[in-house]
Protein backbone atom coordinates (compact mmCIF):
# COMPACT_ATOMS: atom_id res chain seq x y z
CA MET A 1 22.72 -45.09 24.87
CA GLY A 2 19.20 -43.75 25.09
CA ILE A 3 20.41 -40.19 24.91
CA HIS A 4 22.00 -40.65 21.44
CA TYR A 5 18.96 -42.37 20.11
CA ASP A 6 16.73 -39.50 21.37
CA TYR A 7 19.10 -36.86 19.88
CA LYS A 8 18.98 -38.25 16.35
CA SER A 9 15.25 -38.78 16.42
CA THR A 10 14.46 -35.19 17.57
CA ARG A 11 17.23 -33.38 15.71
CA SER A 12 15.12 -32.27 12.78
CA ALA A 13 12.33 -31.15 15.01
CA LYS A 14 14.64 -29.03 17.07
CA LEU A 15 16.13 -27.48 13.93
CA MET A 16 12.68 -26.61 12.69
CA GLU A 17 11.81 -25.00 16.02
CA LYS A 18 14.99 -22.93 15.94
CA GLN A 19 14.29 -21.78 12.39
CA ALA A 20 10.75 -20.82 13.32
CA LYS A 21 11.97 -18.86 16.36
CA ARG A 22 14.59 -17.10 14.24
CA GLU A 23 11.98 -16.18 11.57
CA LYS A 24 9.60 -14.91 14.23
CA LYS A 25 12.24 -12.72 15.79
CA LEU A 26 13.22 -11.28 12.42
CA ALA A 27 9.57 -10.60 11.58
CA GLU A 28 9.11 -8.73 14.84
CA ARG A 29 12.18 -6.67 14.28
CA LYS A 30 11.05 -5.78 10.73
CA ALA A 31 7.57 -4.77 11.96
CA LYS A 32 9.01 -2.66 14.66
CA ARG A 33 11.37 -0.97 12.21
CA LEU A 34 8.62 -0.36 9.73
CA ALA A 35 6.30 1.05 12.40
CA LYS A 36 9.03 3.46 13.49
CA GLU A 37 9.90 4.59 9.94
CA GLY A 38 6.44 4.60 8.39
CA PRO A 39 5.07 8.10 8.96
CA LYS A 40 8.42 9.77 8.07
CA LYS A 41 8.40 8.35 4.50
CA ASP A 42 4.78 9.41 3.91
CA GLN A 43 5.51 12.97 4.95
CA ASP A 44 8.49 13.25 2.64
CA LYS A 45 6.56 12.11 -0.43
CA SER A 46 3.83 14.73 0.10
CA LYS A 47 6.32 17.63 0.16
CA ILE A 48 7.72 16.90 -3.31
CA LEU A 49 6.48 19.41 -5.88
CA ASP A 50 4.99 18.32 -9.13
CA ALA A 51 7.14 19.63 -11.98
CA SER A 52 4.24 19.75 -14.50
CA LYS A 53 2.21 22.18 -12.39
CA PRO A 54 3.22 25.87 -12.34
CA ILE A 55 3.91 27.53 -8.99
CA THR A 56 1.16 30.04 -8.30
CA LEU A 57 0.89 32.94 -5.86
CA ASP A 58 -1.84 31.01 -4.02
CA PHE A 59 0.57 28.10 -3.48
CA LEU A 60 3.30 30.43 -2.17
CA THR A 61 1.00 32.22 0.23
CA ASN A 62 -0.92 29.15 1.43
CA PRO A 63 1.32 26.03 1.23
CA ASP A 64 -1.00 23.93 3.45
CA LYS A 65 -3.68 23.96 0.76
CA GLU A 66 -3.55 20.77 -1.41
């Protein structure tokens, strides 16, 4: 009978531990995914041309210049 008493009294604590473990795992996965994808998104944004600026000969001959 002691097992059932112990189960009910610790049930909420075990559920909270499981939830914390689940959230920790999801946070780690998200951080890993963002670390892997981070630089690729920054490079794509820098290559987009501004429509308000005209394309000059200097830009065509030296695209590395900002």
